[in-house]
Amino acid sequence: MQFESKNSGRPFIPGFIAGEPADEQRARIARELAEREEHRQANLAELSSVRNAPGERVRIWERMYGLALPRDPNHHLLDMIAVATHLELAQVQEEQRLRGPAPPVAKEP
């Protein structure tokens, strides 16, 4: 049985089930870890797949890393998103533009 961490959104595997023999527990955990790794690899493939539009790749990146696309067009994270999604920086910035303007920065008096 898998549960989802309420803070990270990532599934975790409970370690011990009362009455389950140790060899069965090890096998179950190994299967669950293999399934999780298979799911992660599938997400990584979709992240950079040319079949997905740039906006979809950015949404996959956001879901995988639990972060929102920064609004600042000069944010240092944009370069990392571009590399991870196999997009040009300009394509990531275009996705920002399509989502709307950055909120105004408050100036100190």
C-alpha atoms as a PDB file:
ATOM      1  CA  MET A   1       0.000   0.000   0.000  1.00  0.00           C
ATOM      2  CA  GLN A   2       1.371   3.417  -0.924  1.00  0.00           C
ATOM      3  CA  PHE A   3       0.584   6.703   0.723  1.00  0.00           C
ATOM      4  CA  GLU A   4       1.290  10.179  -0.511  1.00  0.00           C
ATOM      5  CA  SER A   5       3.342  12.565   1.560  1.00  0.00           C
ATOM      6  CA  LYS A   6       1.129  15.543   2.310  1.00  0.00           C
ATOM      7  CA  ASN A   7       3.999  18.021   1.945  1.00  0.00           C
ATOM      8  CA  SER A   8       5.938  16.771  -1.057  1.00  0.00           C
ATOM      9  CA  GLY A   9       3.208  15.083  -3.082  1.00  0.00           C
ATOM     10  CA  ARG A  10       5.560  12.117  -3.525  1.00  0.00           C
ATOM     11  CA  PRO A  11       4.459   8.593  -2.715  1.00  0.00           C
ATOM     12  CA  PHE A  12       6.260   6.713   0.004  1.00  0.00           C
ATOM     13  CA  ILE A  13       6.198   3.069   0.956  1.00  0.00           C
ATOM     14  CA  PRO A  14       5.347   2.096   4.489  1.00  0.00           C
ATOM     15  CA  GLY A  15       8.232   0.039   5.817  1.00  0.00           C
ATOM     16  CA  PHE A  16       6.648  -2.639   7.930  1.00  0.00           C
ATOM     17  CA  ILE A  17       3.433  -4.618   7.684  1.00  0.00           C
ATOM     18  CA  ALA A  18       2.710  -6.677  10.774  1.00  0.00           C
ATOM     19  CA  GLY A  19       2.686 -10.378  10.062  1.00  0.00           C
ATOM     20  CA  GLU A  20       4.391 -10.086   6.678  1.00  0.00           C
ATOM     21  CA  PRO A  21       7.433 -12.345   6.406  1.00  0.00           C
ATOM     22  CA  ALA A  22      10.718 -10.476   5.875  1.00  0.00           C
ATOM     23  CA  ASP A  23      11.414 -12.057   2.464  1.00  0.00           C
ATOM     24  CA  GLU A  24       7.951 -11.107   1.205  1.00  0.00           C
ATOM     25  CA  GLN A  25       8.394  -7.595   2.574  1.00  0.00           C
ATOM     26  CA  ARG A  26      11.741  -7.216   0.763  1.00  0.00           C
ATOM     27  CA  ALA A  27      10.202  -8.504  -2.474  1.00  0.00           C
ATOM     28  CA  ARG A  28       7.213  -6.168  -2.144  1.00  0.00           C
ATOM     29  CA  ILE A  29       9.412  -3.148  -1.472  1.00  0.00           C
ATOM     30  CA  ALA A  30      11.683  -4.058  -4.396  1.00  0.00           C
ATOM     31  CA  ARG A  31       8.641  -4.326  -6.707  1.00  0.00           C
ATOM     32  CA  GLU A  32       7.248  -0.990  -5.518  1.00  0.00           C
ATOM     33  CA  LEU A  33      10.608   0.726  -5.940  1.00  0.00           C
ATOM     34  CA  ALA A  34      10.964  -0.741  -9.443  1.00  0.00           C
ATOM     35  CA  GLU A  35       7.473   0.487 -10.345  1.00  0.00           C
ATOM     36  CA  ARG A  36       8.269   3.944  -9.000  1.00  0.00           C
ATOM     37  CA  GLU A  37      11.523   4.061 -10.987  1.00  0.00           C
ATOM     38  CA  GLU A  38       9.698   2.917 -14.128  1.00  0.00           C
ATOM     39  CA  HIS A  39       7.152   5.712 -13.644  1.00  0.00           C
ATOM     40  CA  ARG A  40       9.958   8.244 -13.099  1.00  0.00           C
ATOM     41  CA  GLN A  41      11.744   7.113 -16.268  1.00  0.00           C
ATOM     42  CA  ALA A  42       8.496   7.415 -18.250  1.00  0.00           C
ATOM     43  CA  ASN A  43       8.038  10.965 -16.933  1.00  0.00           C
ATOM     44  CA  LEU A  44      11.628  11.843 -17.863  1.00  0.00           C
ATOM     45  CA  ALA A  45      11.013  10.560 -21.399  1.00  0.00           C
ATOM     46  CA  GLU A  46       7.836  12.649 -21.689  1.00  0.00           C
ATOM     47  CA  LEU A  47       9.651  15.677 -20.283  1.00  0.00           C
ATOM     48  CA  SER A  48      11.883  15.908 -23.333  1.00  0.00           C
ATOM     49  CA  SER A  49       9.694  14.248 -25.950  1.00  0.00           C
ATOM     50  CA  VAL A  50       9.364  16.248 -29.172  1.00  0.00           C
ATOM     51  CA  ARG A  51       5.795  14.925 -29.380  1.00  0.00           C
ATOM     52  CA  ASN A  52       4.882  17.238 -26.497  1.00  0.00           C
ATOM     53  CA  ALA A  53       4.425  20.951 -27.055  1.00  0.00           C
ATOM     54  CA  PRO A  54       6.706  23.265 -25.060  1.00  0.00           C
ATOM     55  CA  GLY A  55       3.890  24.188 -22.674  1.00  0.00           C
ATOM     56  CA  GLU A  56       3.180  20.539 -21.931  1.00  0.00           C
ATOM     57  CA  ARG A  57       6.867  19.849 -21.285  1.00  0.00           C
ATOM     58  CA  VAL A  58       7.006  22.752 -18.832  1.00  0.00           C
ATOM     59  CA  ARG A  59       3.858  21.455 -17.060  1.00  0.00           C
ATOM     60  CA  ILE A  60       5.442  17.993 -16.798  1.00  0.00           C
ATOM     61  CA  TRP A  61       8.574  19.613 -15.324  1.00  0.00           C
ATOM     62  CA  GLU A  62       6.440  21.535 -12.811  1.00  0.00           C
ATOM     63  CA  ARG A  63       4.617  18.352 -11.780  1.00  0.00           C
ATOM     64  CA  MET A  64       7.822  16.296 -11.467  1.00  0.00           C
ATOM     65  CA  TYR A  65       9.674  18.840  -9.361  1.00  0.00           C
ATOM     66  CA  GLY A  66       6.728  20.347  -7.491  1.00  0.00           C
ATOM     67  CA  LEU A  67       7.663  23.869  -8.573  1.00  0.00           C
ATOM     68  CA  ALA A  68       5.831  26.507 -10.574  1.00  0.00           C
ATOM     69  CA  LEU A  69       7.370  28.163 -13.600  1.00  0.00           C
ATOM     70  CA  PRO A  70       9.000  31.354 -12.306  1.00  0.00           C
ATOM     71  CA  ARG A  71       7.346  34.541 -13.542  1.00  0.00           C
ATOM     72  CA  ASP A  72      10.563  36.544 -13.843  1.00  0.00           C
ATOM     73  CA  PRO A  73      11.857  36.221 -17.443  1.00  0.00           C
ATOM     74  CA  ASN A  74      15.429  36.470 -16.124  1.00  0.00           C
ATOM     75  CA  HIS A  75      15.075  33.890 -13.346  1.00  0.00           C
ATOM     76  CA  HIS A  76      18.106  31.569 -13.115  1.00  0.00           C
ATOM     77  CA  LEU A  77      15.850  28.478 -12.957  1.00  0.00           C
ATOM     78  CA  LEU A  78      14.694  29.029 -16.544  1.00  0.00           C
ATOM     79  CA  ASP A  79      18.021  27.786 -17.910  1.00  0.00           C
ATOM     80  CA  MET A  80      17.648  24.582 -15.901  1.00  0.00           C
ATOM     81  CA  ILE A  81      14.077  24.099 -17.115  1.00  0.00           C
ATOM     82  CA  ALA A  82      15.207  24.591 -20.710  1.00  0.00           C
ATOM     83  CA  VAL A  83      17.941  21.969 -20.345  1.00  0.00           C
ATOM     84  CA  ALA A  84      15.652  19.449 -18.609  1.00  0.00           C
ATOM     85  CA  THR A  85      12.898  19.833 -21.206  1.00  0.00           C
ATOM     86  CA  HIS A  86      15.259  20.058 -24.222  1.00  0.00           C
ATOM     87  CA  LEU A  87      13.770  23.431 -25.106  1.00  0.00           C
ATOM     88  CA  GLU A  88      15.436  26.694 -26.021  1.00  0.00           C
ATOM     89  CA  LEU A  89      15.404  29.365 -23.326  1.00  0.00           C
ATOM     90  CA  ALA A  90      13.255  31.504 -25.631  1.00  0.00           C
ATOM     91  CA  GLN A  91      10.614  28.742 -25.721  1.00  0.00           C
ATOM     92  CA  VAL A  92      10.453  28.609 -21.930  1.00  0.00           C
ATOM     93  CA  GLN A  93      10.186  32.396 -21.795  1.00  0.00           C
ATOM     94  CA  GLU A  94       7.403  32.246 -24.400  1.00  0.00           C
ATOM     95  CA  GLU A  95       5.499  29.874 -22.108  1.00  0.00           C
ATOM     96  CA  GLN A  96       5.920  32.464 -19.339  1.00  0.00           C
ATOM     97  CA  ARG A  97       4.572  35.170 -21.630  1.00  0.00           C
ATOM     98  CA  LEU A  98       1.562  33.041 -22.557  1.00  0.00           C
ATOM     99  CA  ARG A  99       0.743  32.508 -18.887  1.00  0.00           C
ATOM    100  CA  GLY A 100       0.604  36.213 -18.174  1.00  0.00           C
ATOM    101  CA  PRO A 101       2.742  39.043 -16.891  1.00  0.00           C
ATOM    102  CA  ALA A 102       4.876  38.831 -13.790  1.00  0.00           C
ATOM    103  CA  PRO A 103       3.375  40.487 -10.730  1.00  0.00           C
ATOM    104  CA  PRO A 104       4.761  43.973 -10.104  1.00  0.00           C
ATOM    105  CA  VAL A 105       7.738  44.178  -7.785  1.00  0.00           C
ATOM    106  CA  ALA A 106       7.153  46.429  -4.790  1.00  0.00           C
ATOM    107  CA  LYS A 107       9.713  49.203  -4.573  1.00  0.00           C
ATOM    108  CA  GLU A 108      11.090  50.225  -1.221  1.00  0.00           C
ATOM    109  CA  PRO A 109      10.453  53.847  -0.226  1.00  0.00           C
END
